[in-house]
Amino acid sequence: QAQLVESGGGLVQAGGSLRLSCAASGRTFFSYAMAWFRQAPGKEREFVAFIRSSGGSTNYTDSVQGRFTISTNKNRNAVYLQMNNLERDDTAVYYCHADGLGGYHYWGQGTQVTFSS
């Protein structure tokens, strides 16, 4: 069974940047779309960004529009989130998600992004 593994989280300051990565393992991995979600302390998990595997169309939640960019690699087995001009409210655990065959949902284990004052 394929797995998703995130990396790239860390400490950031106001206006800083981070690039999150998520790689799928397993030869049978296929996804119709990949996305990033995040969960801040005491809050529910929320959608951040989405990219469709066919065509590459993207969608973002309003709070990150213009600051974050989602992308995939050529093989469409990895997804990235370039985060620029980071704000305190961006502090969260970021999770990678993929829509697989047969409606199967893949989730990564999460990577922490922490705002440092």
PDB file of N, CA and C in Angstrom:
ATOM      1  N   GLN A   1       0.844  -1.182   0.000  1.00  0.00           N
ATOM      2  CA  GLN A   1       0.000   0.000   0.000  1.00  0.00           C
ATOM      3  C   GLN A   1       0.884   1.237   0.000  1.00  0.00           C
ATOM      4  N   ALA A   2       0.574   2.185  -0.870  1.00  0.00           N
ATOM      5  CA  ALA A   2       1.375   3.403  -0.957  1.00  0.00           C
ATOM      6  C   ALA A   2       1.207   4.245   0.293  1.00  0.00           C
ATOM      7  N   GLN A   3       2.223   5.008   0.581  1.00  0.00           N
ATOM      8  CA  GLN A   3       2.187   5.918   1.722  1.00  0.00           C
ATOM      9  C   GLN A   3       2.647   7.298   1.281  1.00  0.00           C
ATOM     10  N   LEU A   4       2.205   8.322   2.015  1.00  0.00           N
ATOM     11  CA  LEU A   4       2.629   9.693   1.774  1.00  0.00           C
ATOM     12  C   LEU A   4       3.513  10.133   2.929  1.00  0.00           C
ATOM     13  N   VAL A   5       4.634  10.748   2.597  1.00  0.00           N
ATOM     14  CA  VAL A   5       5.564  11.208   3.619  1.00  0.00           C
ATOM     15  C   VAL A   5       5.874  12.677   3.370  1.00  0.00           C
ATOM     16  N   GLU A   6       5.554  13.526   4.369  1.00  0.00           N
ATOM     17  CA  GLU A   6       5.809  14.955   4.250  1.00  0.00           C
ATOM     18  C   GLU A   6       7.158  15.310   4.856  1.00  0.00           C
ATOM     19  N   SER A   7       7.683  16.437   4.410  1.00  0.00           N
ATOM     20  CA  SER A   7       8.905  16.988   4.977  1.00  0.00           C
ATOM     21  C   SER A   7       8.928  18.483   4.697  1.00  0.00           C
ATOM     22  N   GLY A   8       9.837  19.180   5.371  1.00  0.00           N
ATOM     23  CA  GLY A   8      10.032  20.589   5.076  1.00  0.00           C
ATOM     24  C   GLY A   8       9.495  21.553   6.104  1.00  0.00           C
ATOM     25  N   GLY A   9       8.814  21.055   7.111  1.00  0.00           N
ATOM     26  CA  GLY A   9       8.305  21.949   8.141  1.00  0.00           C
ATOM     27  C   GLY A   9       9.428  22.518   8.986  1.00  0.00           C
ATOM     28  N   GLY A  10       9.087  23.489   9.837  1.00  0.00           N
ATOM     29  CA  GLY A  10      10.106  24.068  10.705  1.00  0.00           C
ATOM     30  C   GLY A  10       9.634  25.356  11.325  1.00  0.00           C
ATOM     31  N   LEU A  11      10.597  26.115  11.868  1.00  0.00           N
ATOM     32  CA  LEU A  11      10.323  27.403  12.474  1.00  0.00           C
ATOM     33  C   LEU A  11      10.406  28.500  11.422  1.00  0.00           C
ATOM     34  N   VAL A  12       9.473  29.420  11.488  1.00  0.00           N
ATOM     35  CA  VAL A  12       9.483  30.531  10.552  1.00  0.00           C
ATOM     36  C   VAL A  12       9.193  31.825  11.291  1.00  0.00           C
ATOM     37  N   GLN A  13       9.616  32.921  10.704  1.00  0.00           N
ATOM     38  CA  GLN A  13       9.320  34.242  11.240  1.00  0.00           C
ATOM     39  C   GLN A  13       8.406  34.978  10.270  1.00  0.00           C
ATOM     40  N   ALA A  14       7.878  36.084  10.724  1.00  0.00           N
ATOM     41  CA  ALA A  14       6.964  36.867   9.899  1.00  0.00           C
ATOM     42  C   ALA A  14       7.613  37.191   8.561  1.00  0.00           C
ATOM     43  N   GLY A  15       6.870  36.918   7.504  1.00  0.00           N
ATOM     44  CA  GLY A  15       7.368  37.191   6.173  1.00  0.00           C
ATOM     45  C   GLY A  15       8.291  36.140   5.599  1.00  0.00           C
ATOM     46  N   GLY A  16       8.569  35.106   6.374  1.00  0.00           N
ATOM     47  CA  GLY A  16       9.483  34.066   5.912  1.00  0.00           C
ATOM     48  C   GLY A  16       8.834  33.106   4.931  1.00  0.00           C
ATOM     49  N   SER A  17       9.626  32.155   4.464  1.00  0.00           N
ATOM     50  CA  SER A  17       9.164  31.182   3.481  1.00  0.00           C
ATOM     51  C   SER A  17       9.562  29.773   3.892  1.00  0.00           C
ATOM     52  N   LEU A  18       8.753  28.827   3.479  1.00  0.00           N
ATOM     53  CA  LEU A  18       9.067  27.408   3.634  1.00  0.00           C
ATOM     54  C   LEU A  18       8.530  26.686   2.419  1.00  0.00           C
ATOM     55  N   ARG A  19       9.153  25.562   2.121  1.00  0.00           N
ATOM     56  CA  ARG A  19       8.658  24.705   1.043  1.00  0.00           C
ATOM     57  C   ARG A  19       8.415  23.321   1.621  1.00  0.00           C
ATOM     58  N   LEU A  20       7.167  22.905   1.620  1.00  0.00           N
ATOM     59  CA  LEU A  20       6.804  21.585   2.092  1.00  0.00           C
ATOM     60  C   LEU A  20       6.812  20.609   0.923  1.00  0.00           C
ATOM     61  N   SER A  21       7.231  19.397   1.209  1.00  0.00           N
ATOM     62  CA  SER A  21       7.240  18.345   0.196  1.00  0.00           C
ATOM     63  C   SER A  21       6.469  17.146   0.697  1.00  0.00           C
ATOM     64  N   CYS A  22       5.897  16.415  -0.221  1.00  0.00           N
ATOM     65  CA  CYS A  22       5.165  15.191   0.110  1.00  0.00           C
ATOM     66  C   CYS A  22       5.440  14.194  -1.004  1.00  0.00           C
ATOM     67  N   ALA A  23       6.012  13.077  -0.645  1.00  0.00           N
ATOM     68  CA  ALA A  23       6.352  12.061  -1.635  1.00  0.00           C
ATOM     69  C   ALA A  23       5.566  10.792  -1.372  1.00  0.00           C
ATOM     70  N   ALA A  24       5.075  10.204  -2.436  1.00  0.00           N
ATOM     71  CA  ALA A  24       4.340   8.946  -2.339  1.00  0.00           C
ATOM     72  C   ALA A  24       5.281   7.788  -2.601  1.00  0.00           C
ATOM     73  N   SER A  25       5.210   6.802  -1.751  1.00  0.00           N
ATOM     74  CA  SER A  25       6.002   5.591  -1.944  1.00  0.00           C
ATOM     75  C   SER A  25       5.104   4.480  -2.443  1.00  0.00           C
ATOM     76  N   GLY A  26       5.669   3.520  -3.148  1.00  0.00           N
ATOM     77  CA  GLY A  26       4.870   2.413  -3.653  1.00  0.00           C
ATOM     78  C   GLY A  26       4.681   2.500  -5.143  1.00  0.00           C
ATOM     79  N   ARG A  27       4.946   1.427  -5.835  1.00  0.00           N
ATOM     80  CA  ARG A  27       4.884   1.423  -7.299  1.00  0.00           C
ATOM     81  C   ARG A  27       3.481   1.568  -7.818  1.00  0.00           C
ATOM     82  N   THR A  28       2.461   1.254  -6.996  1.00  0.00           N
ATOM     83  CA  THR A  28       1.087   1.263  -7.479  1.00  0.00           C
ATOM     84  C   THR A  28       0.376   2.571  -7.188  1.00  0.00           C
ATOM     85  N   PHE A  29       1.120   3.590  -6.731  1.00  0.00           N
ATOM     86  CA  PHE A  29       0.457   4.836  -6.372  1.00  0.00           C
ATOM     87  C   PHE A  29      -0.101   5.534  -7.590  1.00  0.00           C
ATOM     88  N   PHE A  30      -1.336   5.967  -7.482  1.00  0.00           N
ATOM     89  CA  PHE A  30      -1.991   6.788  -8.487  1.00  0.00           C
ATOM     90  C   PHE A  30      -2.971   7.703  -7.774  1.00  0.00           C
ATOM     91  N   SER A  31      -3.020   8.951  -8.201  1.00  0.00           N
ATOM     92  CA  SER A  31      -3.983   9.854  -7.593  1.00  0.00           C
ATOM     93  C   SER A  31      -4.634  10.712  -8.652  1.00  0.00           C
ATOM     94  N   TYR A  32      -5.889  11.033  -8.442  1.00  0.00           N
ATOM     95  CA  TYR A  32      -6.613  11.952  -9.305  1.00  0.00           C
ATOM     96  C   TYR A  32      -6.291  13.394  -8.935  1.00  0.00           C
ATOM     97  N   ALA A  33      -5.955  13.593  -7.677  1.00  0.00           N
ATOM     98  CA  ALA A  33      -5.644  14.937  -7.197  1.00  0.00           C
ATOM     99  C   ALA A  33      -4.868  14.820  -5.896  1.00  0.00           C
ATOM    100  N   MET A  34      -4.097  15.844  -5.618  1.00  0.00           N
ATOM    101  CA  MET A  34      -3.376  15.905  -4.347  1.00  0.00           C
ATOM    102  C   MET A  34      -3.657  17.253  -3.704  1.00  0.00           C
ATOM    103  N   ALA A  35      -3.524  17.290  -2.401  1.00  0.00           N
ATOM    104  CA  ALA A  35      -3.895  18.505  -1.684  1.00  0.00           C
ATOM    105  C   ALA A  35      -3.094  18.623  -0.400  1.00  0.00           C
ATOM    106  N   TRP A  36      -3.140  19.812   0.159  1.00  0.00           N
ATOM    107  CA  TRP A  36      -2.591  20.081   1.481  1.00  0.00           C
ATOM    108  C   TRP A  36      -3.714  20.556   2.396  1.00  0.00           C
ATOM    109  N   PHE A  37      -3.711  20.035   3.599  1.00  0.00           N
ATOM    110  CA  PHE A  37      -4.594  20.480   4.658  1.00  0.00           C
ATOM    111  C   PHE A  37      -3.716  20.901   5.829  1.00  0.00           C
ATOM    112  N   ARG A  38      -4.305  21.583   6.787  1.00  0.00           N
ATOM    113  CA  ARG A  38      -3.567  21.938   7.993  1.00  0.00           C
ATOM    114  C   ARG A  38      -4.486  21.932   9.198  1.00  0.00           C
ATOM    115  N   GLN A  39      -3.878  21.727  10.345  1.00  0.00           N
ATOM    116  CA  GLN A  39      -4.636  21.725  11.589  1.00  0.00           C
ATOM    117  C   GLN A  39      -3.870  22.526  12.627  1.00  0.00           C
ATOM    118  N   ALA A  40      -4.450  23.636  13.032  1.00  0.00           N
ATOM    119  CA  ALA A  40      -3.850  24.480  14.055  1.00  0.00           C
ATOM    120  C   ALA A  40      -4.278  23.977  15.428  1.00  0.00           C
ATOM    121  N   PRO A  41      -3.525  24.309  16.478  1.00  0.00           N
ATOM    122  CA  PRO A  41      -3.875  23.856  17.827  1.00  0.00           C
ATOM    123  C   PRO A  41      -5.294  24.255  18.207  1.00  0.00           C
ATOM    124  N   GLY A  42      -6.081  23.290  18.649  1.00  0.00           N
ATOM    125  CA  GLY A  42      -7.431  23.559  19.107  1.00  0.00           C
ATOM    126  C   GLY A  42      -8.445  23.773  17.999  1.00  0.00           C
ATOM    127  N   LYS A  43      -8.041  23.569  16.754  1.00  0.00           N
ATOM    128  CA  LYS A  43      -8.942  23.792  15.632  1.00  0.00           C
ATOM    129  C   LYS A  43      -9.080  22.525  14.802  1.00  0.00           C
ATOM    130  N   GLU A  44     -10.099  22.496  13.967  1.00  0.00           N
ATOM    131  CA  GLU A  44     -10.303  21.370  13.084  1.00  0.00           C
ATOM    132  C   GLU A  44      -9.363  21.471  11.874  1.00  0.00           C
ATOM    133  N   ARG A  45      -9.132  20.325  11.267  1.00  0.00           N
ATOM    134  CA  ARG A  45      -8.314  20.296  10.067  1.00  0.00           C
ATOM    135  C   ARG A  45      -9.026  21.066   8.951  1.00  0.00           C
ATOM    136  N   GLU A  46      -8.273  21.884   8.215  1.00  0.00           N
ATOM    137  CA  GLU A  46      -8.883  22.682   7.162  1.00  0.00           C
ATOM    138  C   GLU A  46      -8.128  22.529   5.850  1.00  0.00           C
ATOM    139  N   PHE A  47      -8.835  22.746   4.776  1.00  0.00           N
ATOM    140  CA  PHE A  47      -8.270  22.679   3.434  1.00  0.00           C
ATOM    141  C   PHE A  47      -7.350  23.872   3.194  1.00  0.00           C
ATOM    142  N   VAL A  48      -6.231  23.636   2.504  1.00  0.00           N
ATOM    143  CA  VAL A  48      -5.304  24.712   2.168  1.00  0.00           C
ATOM    144  C   VAL A  48      -5.202  24.887   0.664  1.00  0.00           C
ATOM    145  N   ALA A  49      -4.857  23.805  -0.043  1.00  0.00           N
ATOM    146  CA  ALA A  49      -4.625  23.921  -1.485  1.00  0.00           C
ATOM    147  C   ALA A  49      -4.835  22.563  -2.138  1.00  0.00           C
ATOM    148  N   PHE A  50      -5.149  22.611  -3.445  1.00  0.00           N
ATOM    149  CA  PHE A  50      -5.511  21.415  -4.199  1.00  0.00           C
ATOM    150  C   PHE A  50      -4.939  21.525  -5.603  1.00  0.00           C
ATOM    151  N   ILE A  51      -4.484  20.383  -6.144  1.00  0.00           N
ATOM    152  CA  ILE A  51      -4.042  20.363  -7.531  1.00  0.00           C
ATOM    153  C   ILE A  51      -4.521  19.078  -8.187  1.00  0.00           C
ATOM    154  N   ARG A  52      -5.133  19.212  -9.352  1.00  0.00           N
ATOM    155  CA  ARG A  52      -5.644  18.044 -10.067  1.00  0.00           C
ATOM    156  C   ARG A  52      -4.509  17.431 -10.884  1.00  0.00           C
ATOM    157  N   SER A  53      -4.427  16.104 -10.866  1.00  0.00           N
ATOM    158  CA  SER A  53      -3.328  15.436 -11.561  1.00  0.00           C
ATOM    159  C   SER A  53      -3.420  15.617 -13.070  1.00  0.00           C
ATOM    160  N   SER A  54      -4.626  15.582 -13.598  1.00  0.00           N
ATOM    161  CA  SER A  54      -4.832  15.774 -15.026  1.00  0.00           C
ATOM    162  C   SER A  54      -5.151  17.237 -15.295  1.00  0.00           C
ATOM    163  N   GLY A  55      -4.259  17.902 -15.974  1.00  0.00           N
ATOM    164  CA  GLY A  55      -4.493  19.309 -16.290  1.00  0.00           C
ATOM    165  C   GLY A  55      -3.826  20.275 -15.337  1.00  0.00           C
ATOM    166  N   GLY A  56      -3.628  19.860 -14.097  1.00  0.00           N
ATOM    167  CA  GLY A  56      -2.912  20.696 -13.142  1.00  0.00           C
ATOM    168  C   GLY A  56      -3.676  21.874 -12.590  1.00  0.00           C
ATOM    169  N   SER A  57      -5.008  21.859 -12.704  1.00  0.00           N
ATOM    170  CA  SER A  57      -5.756  22.985 -12.146  1.00  0.00           C
ATOM    171  C   SER A  57      -5.585  23.011 -10.633  1.00  0.00           C
ATOM    172  N   THR A  58      -5.594  24.217 -10.073  1.00  0.00           N
ATOM    173  CA  THR A  58      -5.352  24.401  -8.647  1.00  0.00           C
ATOM    174  C   THR A  58      -6.470  25.195  -7.991  1.00  0.00           C
ATOM    175  N   ASN A  59      -6.518  25.088  -6.680  1.00  0.00           N
ATOM    176  CA  ASN A  59      -7.484  25.849  -5.898  1.00  0.00           C
ATOM    177  C   ASN A  59      -6.887  26.090  -4.524  1.00  0.00           C
ATOM    178  N   TYR A  60      -7.170  27.246  -3.951  1.00  0.00           N
ATOM    179  CA  TYR A  60      -6.610  27.617  -2.657  1.00  0.00           C
ATOM    180  C   TYR A  60      -7.691  28.162  -1.740  1.00  0.00           C
ATOM    181  N   THR A  61      -7.490  27.972  -0.456  1.00  0.00           N
ATOM    182  CA  THR A  61      -8.347  28.661   0.478  1.00  0.00           C
ATOM    183  C   THR A  61      -7.999  30.139   0.455  1.00  0.00           C
ATOM    184  N   ASP A  62      -8.966  30.976   0.751  1.00  0.00           N
ATOM    185  CA  ASP A  62      -8.784  32.417   0.590  1.00  0.00           C
ATOM    186  C   ASP A  62      -7.596  32.960   1.390  1.00  0.00           C
ATOM    187  N   SER A  63      -7.368  32.430   2.568  1.00  0.00           N
ATOM    188  CA  SER A  63      -6.349  33.002   3.457  1.00  0.00           C
ATOM    189  C   SER A  63      -4.922  32.807   2.951  1.00  0.00           C
ATOM    190  N   VAL A  64      -4.710  31.894   2.013  1.00  0.00           N
ATOM    191  CA  VAL A  64      -3.357  31.659   1.496  1.00  0.00           C
ATOM    192  C   VAL A  64      -3.217  32.060   0.041  1.00  0.00           C
ATOM    193  N   GLN A  65      -4.308  32.455  -0.581  1.00  0.00           N
ATOM    194  CA  GLN A  65      -4.279  32.845  -2.000  1.00  0.00           C
ATOM    195  C   GLN A  65      -3.249  33.956  -2.210  1.00  0.00           C
ATOM    196  N   GLY A  66      -2.376  33.752  -3.199  1.00  0.00           N
ATOM    197  CA  GLY A  66      -1.356  34.747  -3.484  1.00  0.00           C
ATOM    198  C   GLY A  66      -0.084  34.591  -2.675  1.00  0.00           C
ATOM    199  N   ARG A  67      -0.119  33.779  -1.628  1.00  0.00           N
ATOM    200  CA  ARG A  67       1.087  33.561  -0.808  1.00  0.00           C
ATOM    201  C   ARG A  67       1.624  32.138  -0.957  1.00  0.00           C
ATOM    202  N   PHE A  68       0.733  31.179  -1.137  1.00  0.00           N
ATOM    203  CA  PHE A  68       1.117  29.771  -1.252  1.00  0.00           C
ATOM    204  C   PHE A  68       0.945  29.303  -2.695  1.00  0.00           C
ATOM    205  N   THR A  69       1.806  28.369  -3.104  1.00  0.00           N
ATOM    206  CA  THR A  69       1.715  27.774  -4.427  1.00  0.00           C
ATOM    207  C   THR A  69       1.868  26.263  -4.319  1.00  0.00           C
ATOM    208  N   ILE A  70       0.895  25.538  -4.850  1.00  0.00           N
ATOM    209  CA  ILE A  70       0.946  24.083  -4.850  1.00  0.00           C
ATOM    210  C   ILE A  70       1.415  23.614  -6.226  1.00  0.00           C
ATOM    211  N   SER A  71       2.209  22.558  -6.237  1.00  0.00           N
ATOM    212  CA  SER A  71       2.715  22.025  -7.506  1.00  0.00           C
ATOM    213  C   SER A  71       2.994  20.538  -7.349  1.00  0.00           C
ATOM    214  N   THR A  72       3.152  19.858  -8.471  1.00  0.00           N
ATOM    215  CA  THR A  72       3.500  18.438  -8.439  1.00  0.00           C
ATOM    216  C   THR A  72       4.723  18.199  -9.319  1.00  0.00           C
ATOM    217  N   ASN A  73       5.296  17.008  -9.209  1.00  0.00           N
ATOM    218  CA  ASN A  73       6.398  16.666 -10.086  1.00  0.00           C
ATOM    219  C   ASN A  73       5.856  16.041 -11.364  1.00  0.00           C
ATOM    220  N   LYS A  74       6.757  15.714 -12.285  1.00  0.00           N
ATOM    221  CA  LYS A  74       6.333  15.197 -13.585  1.00  0.00           C
ATOM    222  C   LYS A  74       5.613  13.863 -13.456  1.00  0.00           C
ATOM    223  N   ASN A  75       6.034  13.036 -12.510  1.00  0.00           N
ATOM    224  CA  ASN A  75       5.422  11.725 -12.329  1.00  0.00           C
ATOM    225  C   ASN A  75       4.144  11.771 -11.508  1.00  0.00           C
ATOM    226  N   ARG A  76       3.843  12.953 -10.991  1.00  0.00           N
ATOM    227  CA  ARG A  76       2.630  13.138 -10.189  1.00  0.00           C
ATOM    228  C   ARG A  76       2.579  12.190  -8.992  1.00  0.00           C
ATOM    229  N   ASN A  77       3.746  11.909  -8.422  1.00  0.00           N
ATOM    230  CA  ASN A  77       3.779  11.133  -7.192  1.00  0.00           C
ATOM    231  C   ASN A  77       4.413  11.936  -6.060  1.00  0.00           C
ATOM    232  N   ALA A  78       4.463  13.231  -6.246  1.00  0.00           N
ATOM    233  CA  ALA A  78       4.934  14.122  -5.189  1.00  0.00           C
ATOM    234  C   ALA A  78       4.204  15.445  -5.334  1.00  0.00           C
ATOM    235  N   VAL A  79       3.997  16.102  -4.231  1.00  0.00           N
ATOM    236  CA  VAL A  79       3.328  17.402  -4.242  1.00  0.00           C
ATOM    237  C   VAL A  79       4.093  18.337  -3.322  1.00  0.00           C
ATOM    238  N   TYR A  80       4.123  19.598  -3.695  1.00  0.00           N
ATOM    239  CA  TYR A  80       4.888  20.587  -2.955  1.00  0.00           C
ATOM    240  C   TYR A  80       3.976  21.761  -2.583  1.00  0.00           C
ATOM    241  N   LEU A  81       4.353  22.433  -1.529  1.00  0.00           N
ATOM    242  CA  LEU A  81       3.642  23.646  -1.143  1.00  0.00           C
ATOM    243  C   LEU A  81       4.684  24.710  -0.823  1.00  0.00           C
ATOM    244  N   GLN A  82       4.818  25.668  -1.715  1.00  0.00           N
ATOM    245  CA  GLN A  82       5.697  26.805  -1.486  1.00  0.00           C
ATOM    246  C   GLN A  82       4.913  27.843  -0.700  1.00  0.00           C
ATOM    247  N   MET A  83       5.394  28.164   0.484  1.00  0.00           N
ATOM    248  CA  MET A  83       4.686  29.093   1.354  1.00  0.00           C
ATOM    249  C   MET A  83       5.549  30.335   1.528  1.00  0.00           C
ATOM    250  N   ASN A  84       5.054  31.457   1.079  1.00  0.00           N
ATOM    251  CA  ASN A  84       5.767  32.731   1.183  1.00  0.00           C
ATOM    252  C   ASN A  84       4.998  33.698   2.065  1.00  0.00           C
ATOM    253  N   ASN A  85       5.711  34.689   2.560  1.00  0.00           N
ATOM    254  CA  ASN A  85       5.092  35.725   3.382  1.00  0.00           C
ATOM    255  C   ASN A  85       4.258  35.107   4.506  1.00  0.00           C
ATOM    256  N   LEU A  86       4.868  34.208   5.225  1.00  0.00           N
ATOM    257  CA  LEU A  86       4.157  33.466   6.259  1.00  0.00           C
ATOM    258  C   LEU A  86       3.697  34.373   7.382  1.00  0.00           C
ATOM    259  N   GLU A  87       2.552  34.010   7.947  1.00  0.00           N
ATOM    260  CA  GLU A  87       1.935  34.765   9.029  1.00  0.00           C
ATOM    261  C   GLU A  87       1.755  33.854  10.244  1.00  0.00           C
ATOM    262  N   ARG A  88       1.510  34.480  11.388  1.00  0.00           N
ATOM    263  CA  ARG A  88       1.350  33.709  12.617  1.00  0.00           C
ATOM    264  C   ARG A  88       0.230  32.676  12.484  1.00  0.00           C
ATOM    265  N   ASP A  89      -0.836  33.042  11.817  1.00  0.00           N
ATOM    266  CA  ASP A  89      -1.978  32.137  11.686  1.00  0.00           C
ATOM    267  C   ASP A  89      -1.687  30.939  10.785  1.00  0.00           C
ATOM    268  N   ASP A  90      -0.529  30.923  10.158  1.00  0.00           N
ATOM    269  CA  ASP A  90      -0.153  29.772   9.342  1.00  0.00           C
ATOM    270  C   ASP A  90       0.443  28.650  10.183  1.00  0.00           C
ATOM    271  N   THR A  91       0.670  28.914  11.464  1.00  0.00           N
ATOM    272  CA  THR A  91       1.180  27.876  12.360  1.00  0.00           C
ATOM    273  C   THR A  91       0.198  26.721  12.424  1.00  0.00           C
ATOM    274  N   ALA A  92       0.662  25.518  12.113  1.00  0.00           N
ATOM    275  CA  ALA A  92      -0.206  24.341  12.093  1.00  0.00           C
ATOM    276  C   ALA A  92       0.620  23.115  11.740  1.00  0.00           C
ATOM    277  N   VAL A  93      -0.020  21.970  11.896  1.00  0.00           N
ATOM    278  CA  VAL A  93       0.536  20.754  11.309  1.00  0.00           C
ATOM    279  C   VAL A  93      -0.056  20.640   9.905  1.00  0.00           C
ATOM    280  N   TYR A  94       0.803  20.490   8.919  1.00  0.00           N
ATOM    281  CA  TYR A  94       0.374  20.424   7.526  1.00  0.00           C
ATOM    282  C   TYR A  94       0.368  18.977   7.067  1.00  0.00           C
ATOM    283  N   TYR A  95      -0.750  18.588   6.473  1.00  0.00           N
ATOM    284  CA  TYR A  95      -0.941  17.206   6.029  1.00  0.00           C
ATOM    285  C   TYR A  95      -1.110  17.158   4.517  1.00  0.00           C
ATOM    286  N   CYS A  96      -0.483  16.176   3.935  1.00  0.00           N
ATOM    287  CA  CYS A  96      -0.622  15.901   2.518  1.00  0.00           C
ATOM    288  C   CYS A  96      -1.757  14.897   2.326  1.00  0.00           C
ATOM    289  N   HIS A  97      -2.519  15.065   1.249  1.00  0.00           N
ATOM    290  CA  HIS A  97      -3.643  14.179   0.961  1.00  0.00           C
ATOM    291  C   HIS A  97      -3.659  13.846  -0.525  1.00  0.00           C
ATOM    292  N   ALA A  98      -4.102  12.629  -0.837  1.00  0.00           N
ATOM    293  CA  ALA A  98      -4.245  12.233  -2.238  1.00  0.00           C
ATOM    294  C   ALA A  98      -5.535  11.438  -2.420  1.00  0.00           C
ATOM    295  N   ASP A  99      -6.212  11.715  -3.517  1.00  0.00           N
ATOM    296  CA  ASP A  99      -7.402  10.948  -3.905  1.00  0.00           C
ATOM    297  C   ASP A  99      -6.964   9.824  -4.824  1.00  0.00           C
ATOM    298  N   GLY A 100      -7.025   8.612  -4.310  1.00  0.00           N
ATOM    299  CA  GLY A 100      -6.553   7.478  -5.087  1.00  0.00           C
ATOM    300  C   GLY A 100      -7.665   6.745  -5.820  1.00  0.00           C
ATOM    301  N   LEU A 101      -7.281   5.622  -6.432  1.00  0.00           N
ATOM    302  CA  LEU A 101      -8.232   4.803  -7.162  1.00  0.00           C
ATOM    303  C   LEU A 101      -9.303   4.247  -6.227  1.00  0.00           C
ATOM    304  N   GLY A 102     -10.510   4.096  -6.753  1.00  0.00           N
ATOM    305  CA  GLY A 102     -11.589   3.508  -5.977  1.00  0.00           C
ATOM    306  C   GLY A 102     -12.017   4.339  -4.787  1.00  0.00           C
ATOM    307  N   GLY A 103     -11.733   5.606  -4.832  1.00  0.00           N
ATOM    308  CA  GLY A 103     -12.139   6.479  -3.735  1.00  0.00           C
ATOM    309  C   GLY A 103     -11.262   6.377  -2.505  1.00  0.00           C
ATOM    310  N   TYR A 104     -10.102   5.762  -2.656  1.00  0.00           N
ATOM    311  CA  TYR A 104      -9.223   5.621  -1.499  1.00  0.00           C
ATOM    312  C   TYR A 104      -8.548   6.949  -1.194  1.00  0.00           C
ATOM    313  N   HIS A 105      -8.488   7.301   0.084  1.00  0.00           N
ATOM    314  CA  HIS A 105      -7.873   8.548   0.526  1.00  0.00           C
ATOM    315  C   HIS A 105      -6.556   8.245   1.240  1.00  0.00           C
ATOM    316  N   TYR A 106      -5.512   8.859   0.739  1.00  0.00           N
ATOM    317  CA  TYR A 106      -4.205   8.748   1.383  1.00  0.00           C
ATOM    318  C   TYR A 106      -3.969  10.001   2.225  1.00  0.00           C
ATOM    319  N   TRP A 107      -3.357   9.795   3.398  1.00  0.00           N
ATOM    320  CA  TRP A 107      -2.955  10.913   4.261  1.00  0.00           C
ATOM    321  C   TRP A 107      -1.521  10.687   4.707  1.00  0.00           C
ATOM    322  N   GLY A 108      -0.776  11.786   4.777  1.00  0.00           N
ATOM    323  CA  GLY A 108       0.551  11.713   5.347  1.00  0.00           C
ATOM    324  C   GLY A 108       0.475  11.870   6.854  1.00  0.00           C
ATOM    325  N   GLN A 109       1.631  11.799   7.494  1.00  0.00           N
ATOM    326  CA  GLN A 109       1.678  11.853   8.954  1.00  0.00           C
ATOM    327  C   GLN A 109       1.722  13.285   9.480  1.00  0.00           C
ATOM    328  N   GLY A 110       1.973  14.238   8.591  1.00  0.00           N
ATOM    329  CA  GLY A 110       1.980  15.639   8.990  1.00  0.00           C
ATOM    330  C   GLY A 110       3.381  16.185   9.224  1.00  0.00           C
ATOM    331  N   THR A 111       3.533  17.466   8.968  1.00  0.00           N
ATOM    332  CA  THR A 111       4.788  18.154   9.260  1.00  0.00           C
ATOM    333  C   THR A 111       4.446  19.484   9.917  1.00  0.00           C
ATOM    334  N   GLN A 112       5.176  19.824  10.969  1.00  0.00           N
ATOM    335  CA  GLN A 112       4.845  20.980  11.789  1.00  0.00           C
ATOM    336  C   GLN A 112       5.461  22.255  11.231  1.00  0.00           C
ATOM    337  N   VAL A 113       4.643  23.287  11.136  1.00  0.00           N
ATOM    338  CA  VAL A 113       5.116  24.631  10.806  1.00  0.00           C
ATOM    339  C   VAL A 113       4.802  25.511  12.003  1.00  0.00           C
ATOM    340  N   THR A 114       5.848  26.092  12.592  1.00  0.00           N
ATOM    341  CA  THR A 114       5.692  26.864  13.817  1.00  0.00           C
ATOM    342  C   THR A 114       6.199  28.275  13.599  1.00  0.00           C
ATOM    343  N   PHE A 115       5.414  29.233  14.010  1.00  0.00           N
ATOM    344  CA  PHE A 115       5.774  30.640  13.888  1.00  0.00           C
ATOM    345  C   PHE A 115       6.654  31.015  15.061  1.00  0.00           C
ATOM    346  N   SER A 116       7.794  31.569  14.770  1.00  0.00           N
ATOM    347  CA  SER A 116       8.739  31.960  15.810  1.00  0.00           C
ATOM    348  C   SER A 116       8.803  33.470  15.910  1.00  0.00           C
ATOM    349  N   SER A 117       8.537  33.976  17.096  1.00  0.00           N
ATOM    350  CA  SER A 117       8.606  35.415  17.289  1.00  0.00           C
ATOM    351  C   SER A 117      10.013  35.818  17.702  1.00  0.00           C
TER     352      SER A 117
END
